[in-house]
Amino acid sequence: MATLKQGLLFLGVAAFALTAGFLLRSQLIGDTQQTSLSSAASKQGAEAILAANLPDIHGENQAIAQWQGQVLVVNFWATWCAPCREEIPEFIEMQEKFHDQGLLFIGIAIDREEKVVAYSKEFGINYPVLVGGMDAMSLAEAAGNHQSALPFTVIINHNGEMMTTYLGRVDQKKLEKTLIPLLQDRSQSRHQTPL
């Protein structure tokens, strides 16, 4: 009888732990959490990202600031991160769809170079992929990712201002709601004539 009670107690604790783990996982990476930051935090995060120089998948250092003037979607990801792998095909599609309107995705991989190179080639990623390793998490933290969770996505407008962040997998519809007005604003500001 004591063994039966111990077994039931063990199953109860295991079920509780499993449920708690799934809830925590969905909070950290499964459900997208959109974050609005204070203007000071937003400025600090954008400056940190735009000041970064990281190697691309060809081993050449790339300054993120070279892409300023476009609407940037900076995505921190890893090959071992399931939600990251789920959102990348949508990012590829959106890069193709909105590139001519001034949109640029930038992937910053928190992973080993050889894995990132193989993954990027296998899936045909059509935007810059930079290899940051664990050191690049400091950029994500500067942009408001205090949980150090992946995926983490930062939207920077054409003026170099951080507009919003997403912690967890972000879907195409949610991104488009944020990006389309920013792309329209970029287009309007480019076509305005000075007085």
N, C-alpha and C. Protein backbone atom coordinates (compact mmCIF):
# COMPACT_ATOMS: atom_id res chain seq x y z
N MET A 1 0.82 -1.18 0.00
CA MET A 1 0.00 0.00 0.00
C MET A 1 0.87 1.26 0.00
N ALA A 2 1.98 1.23 0.76
CA ALA A 2 2.88 2.38 0.82
C ALA A 2 3.50 2.62 -0.55
N THR A 3 3.79 1.56 -1.28
CA THR A 3 4.38 1.69 -2.60
C THR A 3 3.39 2.34 -3.56
N LEU A 4 2.11 1.99 -3.45
CA LEU A 4 1.07 2.59 -4.28
C LEU A 4 0.96 4.09 -4.00
N LYS A 5 0.99 4.47 -2.73
CA LYS A 5 0.92 5.89 -2.36
C LYS A 5 2.15 6.64 -2.89
N GLN A 6 3.32 6.03 -2.77
CA GLN A 6 4.53 6.67 -3.28
C GLN A 6 4.47 6.84 -4.79
N GLY A 7 3.94 5.83 -5.47
CA GLY A 7 3.81 5.89 -6.92
C GLY A 7 2.84 6.98 -7.35
N LEU A 8 1.69 7.07 -6.66
CA LEU A 8 0.72 8.12 -6.98
C LEU A 8 1.29 9.50 -6.68
N LEU A 9 2.01 9.63 -5.56
CA LEU A 9 2.62 10.90 -5.21
C LEU A 9 3.66 11.29 -6.27
N PHE A 10 4.45 10.32 -6.70
CA PHE A 10 5.45 10.58 -7.73
C PHE A 10 4.78 11.02 -9.03
N LEU A 11 3.69 10.34 -9.43
CA LEU A 11 2.98 10.72 -10.65
C LEU A 11 2.39 12.11 -10.54
N GLY A 12 1.85 12.44 -9.37
CA GLY A 12 1.29 13.78 -9.16
C GLY A 12 2.34 14.86 -9.27
N VAL A 13 3.49 14.64 -8.65
CA VAL A 13 4.58 15.62 -8.71
C VAL A 13 5.09 15.73 -10.14
N ALA A 14 5.23 14.61 -10.83
CA ALA A 14 5.70 14.63 -12.21
C ALA A 14 4.72 15.38 -13.11
N ALA A 15 3.42 15.14 -12.94
CA ALA A 15 2.41 15.83 -13.75
C ALA A 15 2.44 17.33 -13.47
N PHE A 16 2.58 17.69 -12.20
CA PHE A 16 2.65 19.11 -11.85
C PHE A 16 3.88 19.76 -12.47
N ALA A 17 5.02 19.09 -12.38
CA ALA A 17 6.26 19.63 -12.94
C ALA A 17 6.17 19.78 -14.46
N LEU A 18 5.58 18.78 -15.11
CA LEU A 18 5.43 18.83 -16.56
C LEU A 18 4.52 19.98 -16.97
N THR A 19 3.40 20.15 -16.28
CA THR A 19 2.48 21.24 -16.57
C THR A 19 3.15 22.59 -16.34
N ALA A 20 3.84 22.73 -15.22
CA ALA A 20 4.55 23.98 -14.93
C ALA A 20 5.60 24.28 -15.99
N GLY A 21 6.30 23.24 -16.45
CA GLY A 21 7.31 23.42 -17.49
C GLY A 21 6.71 23.90 -18.80
N PHE A 22 5.58 23.31 -19.20
CA PHE A 22 4.92 23.75 -20.43
C PHE A 22 4.41 25.19 -20.31
N LEU A 23 3.86 25.54 -19.15
CA LEU A 23 3.38 26.91 -18.96
C LEU A 23 4.53 27.90 -19.01
N LEU A 24 5.65 27.57 -18.37
CA LEU A 24 6.80 28.44 -18.38
C LEU A 24 7.36 28.57 -19.80
N ARG A 25 7.44 27.46 -20.50
CA ARG A 25 7.95 27.50 -21.88
C ARG A 25 7.08 28.37 -22.76
N SER A 26 5.75 28.25 -22.64
CA SER A 26 4.88 29.06 -23.47
C SER A 26 4.99 30.54 -23.12
N GLN A 27 5.24 30.83 -21.85
CA GLN A 27 5.43 32.22 -21.46
C GLN A 27 6.73 32.78 -22.01
N LEU A 28 7.78 31.98 -22.01
CA LEU A 28 9.09 32.47 -22.44
C LEU A 28 9.27 32.47 -23.94
N ILE A 29 8.83 31.40 -24.61
CA ILE A 29 9.13 31.34 -26.04
C ILE A 29 7.94 30.97 -26.92
N GLY A 30 6.91 30.40 -26.39
CA GLY A 30 5.81 29.95 -27.23
C GLY A 30 4.86 31.07 -27.58
N ASP A 31 4.43 31.82 -26.64
CA ASP A 31 3.52 32.92 -26.87
C ASP A 31 4.34 34.18 -27.07
N THR A 32 3.99 34.92 -28.07
CA THR A 32 4.72 36.14 -28.34
C THR A 32 4.34 37.20 -27.34
N GLN A 33 5.33 37.86 -26.80
CA GLN A 33 5.12 38.98 -25.90
C GLN A 33 5.66 40.22 -26.58
N GLN A 34 4.75 41.11 -26.96
CA GLN A 34 5.19 42.36 -27.57
C GLN A 34 5.48 43.34 -26.45
N THR A 35 6.61 44.03 -26.57
CA THR A 35 7.05 44.92 -25.51
C THR A 35 7.16 46.34 -26.01
N SER A 36 6.64 47.26 -25.23
CA SER A 36 6.87 48.68 -25.49
C SER A 36 7.88 49.15 -24.46
N LEU A 37 8.91 49.82 -24.92
CA LEU A 37 9.97 50.26 -24.03
C LEU A 37 9.90 51.76 -23.83
N SER A 38 10.48 52.22 -22.76
CA SER A 38 10.60 53.66 -22.55
C SER A 38 11.47 54.24 -23.65
N SER A 39 11.39 55.55 -23.87
CA SER A 39 12.17 56.15 -24.94
C SER A 39 13.67 56.01 -24.68
N ALA A 40 14.08 56.09 -23.41
CA ALA A 40 15.51 55.93 -23.09
C ALA A 40 15.98 54.51 -23.39
N ALA A 41 15.18 53.51 -22.98
CA ALA A 41 15.53 52.11 -23.23
C ALA A 41 15.51 51.81 -24.73
N SER A 42 14.54 52.39 -25.43
CA SER A 42 14.44 52.20 -26.87
C SER A 42 15.67 52.77 -27.57
N LYS A 43 16.07 53.96 -27.18
CA LYS A 43 17.24 54.61 -27.79
C LYS A 43 18.50 53.80 -27.52
N GLN A 44 18.67 53.35 -26.28
CA GLN A 44 19.84 52.57 -25.90
C GLN A 44 19.90 51.26 -26.68
N GLY A 45 18.76 50.58 -26.81
CA GLY A 45 18.72 49.32 -27.54
C GLY A 45 19.05 49.49 -29.01
N ALA A 46 18.45 50.52 -29.65
CA ALA A 46 18.72 50.76 -31.07
C ALA A 46 20.19 51.12 -31.28
N GLU A 47 20.73 51.96 -30.42
CA GLU A 47 22.14 52.36 -30.55
C GLU A 47 23.07 51.16 -30.41
N ALA A 48 22.77 50.28 -29.46
CA ALA A 48 23.61 49.09 -29.26
C ALA A 48 23.59 48.19 -30.49
N ILE A 49 22.41 47.95 -31.03
CA ILE A 49 22.29 47.07 -32.21
C ILE A 49 22.97 47.71 -33.41
N LEU A 50 22.68 48.99 -33.66
CA LEU A 50 23.24 49.65 -34.85
C LEU A 50 24.76 49.84 -34.76
N ALA A 51 25.31 49.83 -33.56
CA ALA A 51 26.76 49.98 -33.39
C ALA A 51 27.51 48.65 -33.52
N ALA A 52 26.78 47.55 -33.58
CA ALA A 52 27.41 46.23 -33.60
C ALA A 52 28.04 45.91 -34.95
N ASN A 53 29.15 45.18 -34.87
CA ASN A 53 29.84 44.60 -36.03
C ASN A 53 29.98 43.11 -35.76
N LEU A 54 29.39 42.31 -36.62
CA LEU A 54 29.42 40.86 -36.43
C LEU A 54 29.77 40.18 -37.74
N PRO A 55 30.42 39.01 -37.67
CA PRO A 55 30.72 38.28 -38.91
C PRO A 55 29.47 37.68 -39.53
N ASP A 56 29.43 37.69 -40.86
CA ASP A 56 28.34 37.03 -41.57
C ASP A 56 28.71 35.56 -41.79
N ILE A 57 27.89 34.84 -42.54
CA ILE A 57 28.14 33.41 -42.73
C ILE A 57 29.31 33.13 -43.67
N HIS A 58 29.88 34.21 -44.24
CA HIS A 58 31.07 34.08 -45.08
C HIS A 58 32.33 34.49 -44.32
N GLY A 59 32.16 34.84 -43.03
CA GLY A 59 33.28 35.22 -42.20
C GLY A 59 33.68 36.68 -42.30
N GLU A 60 32.92 37.48 -43.04
CA GLU A 60 33.23 38.90 -43.21
C GLU A 60 32.47 39.72 -42.18
N ASN A 61 33.17 40.63 -41.50
CA ASN A 61 32.51 41.50 -40.52
C ASN A 61 31.55 42.44 -41.22
N GLN A 62 30.37 42.59 -40.64
CA GLN A 62 29.35 43.46 -41.18
C GLN A 62 28.91 44.43 -40.10
N ALA A 63 28.89 45.71 -40.43
CA ALA A 63 28.38 46.73 -39.52
C ALA A 63 26.88 46.83 -39.74
N ILE A 64 26.11 46.64 -38.69
CA ILE A 64 24.65 46.70 -38.83
C ILE A 64 24.22 48.10 -39.28
N ALA A 65 24.97 49.12 -38.90
CA ALA A 65 24.64 50.50 -39.28
C ALA A 65 24.60 50.70 -40.79
N GLN A 66 25.26 49.83 -41.55
CA GLN A 66 25.25 49.98 -43.01
C GLN A 66 23.84 49.85 -43.58
N TRP A 67 22.93 49.23 -42.83
CA TRP A 67 21.57 49.02 -43.31
C TRP A 67 20.58 50.04 -42.76
N GLN A 68 21.08 50.99 -41.96
CA GLN A 68 20.19 52.01 -41.42
C GLN A 68 19.59 52.81 -42.58
N GLY A 69 18.36 53.23 -42.42
CA GLY A 69 17.63 53.90 -43.49
C GLY A 69 16.55 53.00 -44.04
N GLN A 70 16.67 51.71 -43.77
CA GLN A 70 15.63 50.75 -44.12
C GLN A 70 14.86 50.42 -42.83
N VAL A 71 13.72 49.79 -42.98
CA VAL A 71 13.01 49.26 -41.82
C VAL A 71 13.66 47.91 -41.53
N LEU A 72 14.22 47.78 -40.33
CA LEU A 72 14.98 46.59 -39.97
C LEU A 72 14.19 45.69 -39.03
N VAL A 73 14.21 44.41 -39.33
CA VAL A 73 13.68 43.39 -38.42
C VAL A 73 14.89 42.57 -37.99
N VAL A 74 15.35 42.82 -36.78
CA VAL A 74 16.54 42.14 -36.26
C VAL A 74 16.06 40.98 -35.40
N ASN A 75 16.38 39.77 -35.85
CA ASN A 75 15.89 38.56 -35.21
C ASN A 75 17.04 37.78 -34.59
N PHE A 76 17.00 37.62 -33.26
CA PHE A 76 17.97 36.81 -32.53
C PHE A 76 17.43 35.38 -32.50
N TRP A 77 18.23 34.42 -32.94
CA TRP A 77 17.74 33.05 -33.10
C TRP A 77 18.88 32.06 -32.93
N ALA A 78 18.53 30.78 -32.96
CA ALA A 78 19.52 29.70 -32.92
C ALA A 78 18.96 28.50 -33.67
N THR A 79 19.85 27.67 -34.19
CA THR A 79 19.40 26.49 -34.94
C THR A 79 18.70 25.47 -34.05
N TRP A 80 19.02 25.45 -32.76
CA TRP A 80 18.43 24.49 -31.82
C TRP A 80 17.09 24.97 -31.27
N CYS A 81 16.66 26.17 -31.63
CA CYS A 81 15.44 26.79 -31.09
C CYS A 81 14.27 26.48 -32.02
N ALA A 82 13.34 25.63 -31.59
CA ALA A 82 12.20 25.23 -32.43
C ALA A 82 11.34 26.41 -32.88
N PRO A 83 10.95 27.34 -32.00
CA PRO A 83 10.14 28.47 -32.48
C PRO A 83 10.91 29.34 -33.49
N CYS A 84 12.22 29.42 -33.35
CA CYS A 84 13.04 30.17 -34.31
C CYS A 84 12.92 29.52 -35.69
N ARG A 85 13.05 28.21 -35.72
CA ARG A 85 12.98 27.49 -37.00
C ARG A 85 11.60 27.61 -37.62
N GLU A 86 10.56 27.74 -36.80
CA GLU A 86 9.19 27.88 -37.32
C GLU A 86 8.96 29.23 -37.97
N GLU A 87 9.57 30.30 -37.45
CA GLU A 87 9.29 31.63 -37.98
C GLU A 87 10.18 32.01 -39.16
N ILE A 88 11.33 31.40 -39.31
CA ILE A 88 12.26 31.77 -40.38
C ILE A 88 11.66 31.63 -41.78
N PRO A 89 10.91 30.56 -42.12
CA PRO A 89 10.31 30.52 -43.46
C PRO A 89 9.38 31.71 -43.74
N GLU A 90 8.67 32.18 -42.73
CA GLU A 90 7.82 33.37 -42.92
C GLU A 90 8.67 34.61 -43.11
N PHE A 91 9.79 34.69 -42.42
CA PHE A 91 10.70 35.83 -42.59
C PHE A 91 11.25 35.85 -44.01
N ILE A 92 11.61 34.68 -44.53
CA ILE A 92 12.11 34.58 -45.90
C ILE A 92 11.06 35.09 -46.88
N GLU A 93 9.82 34.68 -46.66
CA GLU A 93 8.71 35.11 -47.53
C GLU A 93 8.49 36.62 -47.44
N MET A 94 8.50 37.15 -46.23
CA MET A 94 8.29 38.58 -46.05
C MET A 94 9.46 39.40 -46.61
N GLN A 95 10.67 38.90 -46.49
CA GLN A 95 11.83 39.60 -47.06
C GLN A 95 11.66 39.74 -48.56
N GLU A 96 11.21 38.67 -49.20
CA GLU A 96 11.00 38.71 -50.64
C GLU A 96 9.85 39.66 -51.00
N LYS A 97 8.79 39.61 -50.22
CA LYS A 97 7.58 40.39 -50.50
C LYS A 97 7.80 41.89 -50.32
N PHE A 98 8.53 42.30 -49.28
CA PHE A 98 8.64 43.71 -48.92
C PHE A 98 10.03 44.33 -49.15
N HIS A 99 10.94 43.58 -49.71
CA HIS A 99 12.30 44.10 -49.91
C HIS A 99 12.32 45.39 -50.70
N ASP A 100 11.55 45.45 -51.78
CA ASP A 100 11.54 46.64 -52.63
C ASP A 100 10.94 47.86 -51.94
N GLN A 101 10.24 47.64 -50.83
CA GLN A 101 9.66 48.76 -50.09
C GLN A 101 10.58 49.23 -48.96
N GLY A 102 11.75 48.62 -48.85
CA GLY A 102 12.73 49.06 -47.86
C GLY A 102 12.78 48.25 -46.59
N LEU A 103 12.33 47.00 -46.65
CA LEU A 103 12.39 46.12 -45.48
C LEU A 103 13.63 45.25 -45.56
N LEU A 104 14.29 45.08 -44.42
CA LEU A 104 15.43 44.18 -44.37
C LEU A 104 15.42 43.41 -43.05
N PHE A 105 15.35 42.10 -43.16
CA PHE A 105 15.53 41.23 -42.01
C PHE A 105 17.03 41.05 -41.79
N ILE A 106 17.43 40.96 -40.55
CA ILE A 106 18.80 40.64 -40.19
C ILE A 106 18.73 39.56 -39.12
N GLY A 107 19.28 38.41 -39.40
CA GLY A 107 19.31 37.34 -38.42
C GLY A 107 20.62 37.39 -37.64
N ILE A 108 20.51 37.39 -36.32
CA ILE A 108 21.71 37.31 -35.48
C ILE A 108 21.64 35.98 -34.75
N ALA A 109 22.49 35.06 -35.16
CA ALA A 109 22.45 33.70 -34.62
C ALA A 109 23.26 33.61 -33.33
N ILE A 110 22.65 33.03 -32.33
CA ILE A 110 23.31 32.76 -31.06
C ILE A 110 23.65 31.27 -31.11
N ASP A 111 24.69 30.95 -31.87
CA ASP A 111 24.95 29.55 -32.18
C ASP A 111 26.37 29.43 -32.73
N ARG A 112 26.76 28.20 -33.03
CA ARG A 112 28.08 27.95 -33.61
C ARG A 112 28.04 28.21 -35.11
N GLU A 113 29.12 28.78 -35.61
CA GLU A 113 29.19 29.21 -37.01
C GLU A 113 28.85 28.09 -37.99
N GLU A 114 29.42 26.91 -37.80
CA GLU A 114 29.21 25.84 -38.79
C GLU A 114 27.73 25.43 -38.85
N LYS A 115 27.02 25.45 -37.73
CA LYS A 115 25.60 25.12 -37.73
C LYS A 115 24.78 26.19 -38.43
N VAL A 116 25.14 27.45 -38.19
CA VAL A 116 24.43 28.58 -38.79
C VAL A 116 24.62 28.58 -40.30
N VAL A 117 25.84 28.35 -40.76
CA VAL A 117 26.13 28.33 -42.19
C VAL A 117 25.32 27.22 -42.86
N ALA A 118 25.35 26.02 -42.30
CA ALA A 118 24.62 24.89 -42.89
C ALA A 118 23.12 25.16 -42.91
N TYR A 119 22.58 25.67 -41.82
CA TYR A 119 21.14 25.94 -41.74
C TYR A 119 20.73 27.02 -42.74
N SER A 120 21.52 28.09 -42.83
CA SER A 120 21.20 29.19 -43.74
C SER A 120 21.18 28.72 -45.18
N LYS A 121 22.13 27.88 -45.55
CA LYS A 121 22.18 27.37 -46.92
C LYS A 121 21.04 26.39 -47.18
N GLU A 122 20.77 25.52 -46.22
CA GLU A 122 19.71 24.52 -46.39
C GLU A 122 18.35 25.17 -46.61
N PHE A 123 18.06 26.25 -45.89
CA PHE A 123 16.75 26.87 -45.97
C PHE A 123 16.72 28.07 -46.91
N GLY A 124 17.84 28.41 -47.51
CA GLY A 124 17.88 29.50 -48.48
C GLY A 124 17.51 30.85 -47.88
N ILE A 125 18.06 31.15 -46.73
CA ILE A 125 17.76 32.43 -46.09
C ILE A 125 18.24 33.55 -47.00
N ASN A 126 17.33 34.47 -47.32
CA ASN A 126 17.58 35.51 -48.32
C ASN A 126 17.84 36.89 -47.71
N TYR A 127 18.31 36.90 -46.49
CA TYR A 127 18.65 38.16 -45.82
C TYR A 127 19.95 37.94 -45.05
N PRO A 128 20.60 39.03 -44.63
CA PRO A 128 21.88 38.86 -43.93
C PRO A 128 21.74 38.04 -42.65
N VAL A 129 22.62 37.09 -42.49
CA VAL A 129 22.68 36.28 -41.28
C VAL A 129 24.06 36.52 -40.66
N LEU A 130 24.04 37.00 -39.44
CA LEU A 130 25.27 37.29 -38.71
C LEU A 130 25.43 36.27 -37.60
N VAL A 131 26.66 35.94 -37.28
CA VAL A 131 26.94 34.94 -36.26
C VAL A 131 27.47 35.67 -35.03
N GLY A 132 26.64 35.71 -34.00
CA GLY A 132 27.02 36.46 -32.82
C GLY A 132 27.49 35.62 -31.66
N GLY A 133 27.13 34.36 -31.64
CA GLY A 133 27.45 33.54 -30.48
C GLY A 133 26.77 34.09 -29.24
N MET A 134 27.14 33.57 -28.09
CA MET A 134 26.50 33.99 -26.84
C MET A 134 26.78 35.46 -26.51
N ASP A 135 27.88 36.02 -27.02
CA ASP A 135 28.18 37.43 -26.77
C ASP A 135 27.11 38.35 -27.32
N ALA A 136 26.44 37.94 -28.39
CA ALA A 136 25.42 38.78 -29.01
C ALA A 136 24.17 38.90 -28.14
N MET A 137 24.05 38.04 -27.14
CA MET A 137 22.89 38.17 -26.25
C MET A 137 22.92 39.51 -25.51
N SER A 138 24.09 40.11 -25.37
CA SER A 138 24.16 41.43 -24.72
C SER A 138 23.43 42.47 -25.57
N LEU A 139 23.42 42.30 -26.89
CA LEU A 139 22.66 43.20 -27.76
C LEU A 139 21.16 43.01 -27.54
N ALA A 140 20.75 41.77 -27.43
CA ALA A 140 19.33 41.49 -27.18
C ALA A 140 18.92 42.03 -25.81
N GLU A 141 19.79 41.88 -24.83
CA GLU A 141 19.49 42.40 -23.49
C GLU A 141 19.40 43.93 -23.51
N ALA A 142 20.27 44.59 -24.25
CA ALA A 142 20.22 46.05 -24.36
C ALA A 142 18.91 46.50 -25.01
N ALA A 143 18.34 45.63 -25.84
CA ALA A 143 17.07 45.93 -26.51
C ALA A 143 15.86 45.50 -25.68
N GLY A 144 16.08 45.00 -24.46
CA GLY A 144 14.96 44.69 -23.58
C GLY A 144 14.72 43.21 -23.31
N ASN A 145 15.54 42.32 -23.84
CA ASN A 145 15.35 40.88 -23.62
C ASN A 145 16.06 40.48 -22.32
N HIS A 146 15.45 40.80 -21.20
CA HIS A 146 16.06 40.52 -19.90
C HIS A 146 15.93 39.05 -19.50
N GLN A 147 15.09 38.29 -20.20
CA GLN A 147 14.96 36.86 -19.94
C GLN A 147 16.01 36.05 -20.69
N SER A 148 16.71 36.68 -21.62
CA SER A 148 17.70 35.99 -22.47
C SER A 148 17.09 34.78 -23.16
N ALA A 149 15.86 34.94 -23.64
CA ALA A 149 15.14 33.86 -24.32
C ALA A 149 15.15 34.09 -25.83
N LEU A 150 14.98 33.02 -26.58
CA LEU A 150 14.92 33.08 -28.04
C LEU A 150 13.62 32.44 -28.50
N PRO A 151 13.10 32.86 -29.63
CA PRO A 151 13.56 33.96 -30.47
C PRO A 151 13.20 35.32 -29.86
N PHE A 152 13.94 36.32 -30.28
CA PHE A 152 13.69 37.69 -29.86
C PHE A 152 13.85 38.57 -31.08
N THR A 153 12.84 39.38 -31.37
CA THR A 153 12.81 40.17 -32.59
C THR A 153 12.65 41.64 -32.25
N VAL A 154 13.45 42.47 -32.90
CA VAL A 154 13.45 43.92 -32.68
C VAL A 154 13.11 44.60 -34.00
N ILE A 155 12.18 45.56 -33.95
CA ILE A 155 11.82 46.34 -35.13
C ILE A 155 12.43 47.73 -34.98
N ILE A 156 13.22 48.14 -35.97
CA ILE A 156 13.86 49.45 -35.99
C ILE A 156 13.39 50.18 -37.25
N ASN A 157 12.84 51.39 -37.08
CA ASN A 157 12.33 52.12 -38.24
C ASN A 157 13.45 52.74 -39.06
N HIS A 158 13.10 53.39 -40.17
CA HIS A 158 14.11 53.92 -41.08
C HIS A 158 14.92 55.06 -40.47
N ASN A 159 14.44 55.63 -39.37
CA ASN A 159 15.18 56.69 -38.67
C ASN A 159 16.12 56.12 -37.61
N GLY A 160 16.19 54.81 -37.49
CA GLY A 160 17.07 54.19 -36.51
C GLY A 160 16.47 54.14 -35.11
N GLU A 161 15.14 54.22 -35.02
CA GLU A 161 14.46 54.18 -33.72
C GLU A 161 13.85 52.80 -33.51
N MET A 162 14.07 52.25 -32.33
CA MET A 162 13.49 50.95 -32.01
C MET A 162 12.01 51.14 -31.72
N MET A 163 11.16 50.48 -32.49
CA MET A 163 9.71 50.68 -32.38
C MET A 163 9.05 49.70 -31.43
N THR A 164 9.45 48.44 -31.51
CA THR A 164 8.86 47.41 -30.66
C THR A 164 9.74 46.19 -30.65
N THR A 165 9.47 45.29 -29.71
CA THR A 165 10.17 44.01 -29.67
C THR A 165 9.15 42.90 -29.47
N TYR A 166 9.53 41.72 -29.87
CA TYR A 166 8.71 40.52 -29.68
C TYR A 166 9.57 39.45 -29.04
N LEU A 167 9.12 38.94 -27.92
CA LEU A 167 9.79 37.82 -27.27
C LEU A 167 8.97 36.58 -27.56
N GLY A 168 9.58 35.60 -28.18
CA GLY A 168 8.87 34.39 -28.59
C GLY A 168 8.59 34.44 -30.09
N ARG A 169 7.99 33.37 -30.58
CA ARG A 169 7.71 33.26 -32.01
C ARG A 169 6.70 34.34 -32.41
N VAL A 170 7.02 35.05 -33.48
CA VAL A 170 6.11 36.07 -34.00
C VAL A 170 5.65 35.62 -35.38
N ASP A 171 4.34 35.73 -35.62
CA ASP A 171 3.83 35.27 -36.91
C ASP A 171 3.76 36.42 -37.92
N GLN A 172 3.57 36.06 -39.15
CA GLN A 172 3.61 37.00 -40.26
C GLN A 172 2.53 38.07 -40.12
N LYS A 173 1.31 37.70 -39.75
CA LYS A 173 0.23 38.68 -39.64
C LYS A 173 0.55 39.74 -38.59
N LYS A 174 1.05 39.31 -37.45
CA LYS A 174 1.39 40.26 -36.38
C LYS A 174 2.51 41.19 -36.83
N LEU A 175 3.52 40.64 -37.50
CA LEU A 175 4.62 41.47 -37.98
C LEU A 175 4.16 42.48 -39.03
N GLU A 176 3.31 42.02 -39.94
CA GLU A 176 2.84 42.92 -41.00
C GLU A 176 2.05 44.09 -40.42
N LYS A 177 1.29 43.87 -39.35
CA LYS A 177 0.55 44.98 -38.73
C LYS A 177 1.50 46.06 -38.24
N THR A 178 2.67 45.67 -37.79
CA THR A 178 3.66 46.63 -37.33
C THR A 178 4.45 47.21 -38.50
N LEU A 179 4.84 46.36 -39.45
CA LEU A 179 5.76 46.78 -40.50
C LEU A 179 5.13 47.62 -41.61
N ILE A 180 3.93 47.32 -42.02
CA ILE A 180 3.33 48.03 -43.16
C ILE A 180 3.24 49.54 -42.90
N PRO A 181 2.77 49.99 -41.72
CA PRO A 181 2.78 51.44 -41.48
C PRO A 181 4.20 52.04 -41.48
N LEU A 182 5.18 51.29 -40.99
CA LEU A 182 6.57 51.79 -40.98
C LEU A 182 7.11 51.90 -42.40
N LEU A 183 6.77 50.93 -43.26
CA LEU A 183 7.21 50.98 -44.65
C LEU A 183 6.53 52.13 -45.39
N GLN A 184 5.24 52.36 -45.10
CA GLN A 184 4.53 53.48 -45.72
C GLN A 184 5.13 54.81 -45.27
N ASP A 185 5.46 54.92 -43.99
CA ASP A 185 6.08 56.13 -43.46
C ASP A 185 7.43 56.37 -44.14
N ARG A 186 8.20 55.30 -44.31
CA ARG A 186 9.50 55.42 -44.98
C ARG A 186 9.32 55.91 -46.41
N SER A 187 8.34 55.35 -47.10
CA SER A 187 8.07 55.73 -48.48
C SER A 187 7.65 57.20 -48.58
N GLN A 188 6.79 57.62 -47.68
CA GLN A 188 6.31 59.02 -47.70
C GLN A 188 7.44 59.99 -47.41
N SER A 189 8.29 59.65 -46.44
CA SER A 189 9.38 60.56 -46.09
C SER A 189 10.42 60.65 -47.21
N ARG A 190 10.56 59.62 -47.98
CA ARG A 190 11.51 59.62 -49.10
C ARG A 190 10.98 60.45 -50.27
N HIS A 191 9.64 60.52 -50.40
CA HIS A 191 9.05 61.23 -51.53
C HIS A 191 8.67 62.67 -51.21
N GLN A 192 8.89 63.11 -50.00
CA GLN A 192 8.59 64.49 -49.66
C GLN A 192 9.67 65.39 -50.23
N THR A 193 9.27 66.48 -50.80
CA THR A 193 10.25 67.42 -51.35
C THR A 193 10.49 68.54 -50.35
N PRO A 194 11.74 68.92 -50.19
CA PRO A 194 12.04 70.01 -49.25
C PRO A 194 11.48 71.33 -49.77
N LEU A 195 11.08 72.18 -48.83
CA LEU A 195 10.53 73.49 -49.20
C LEU A 195 11.60 74.47 -49.58
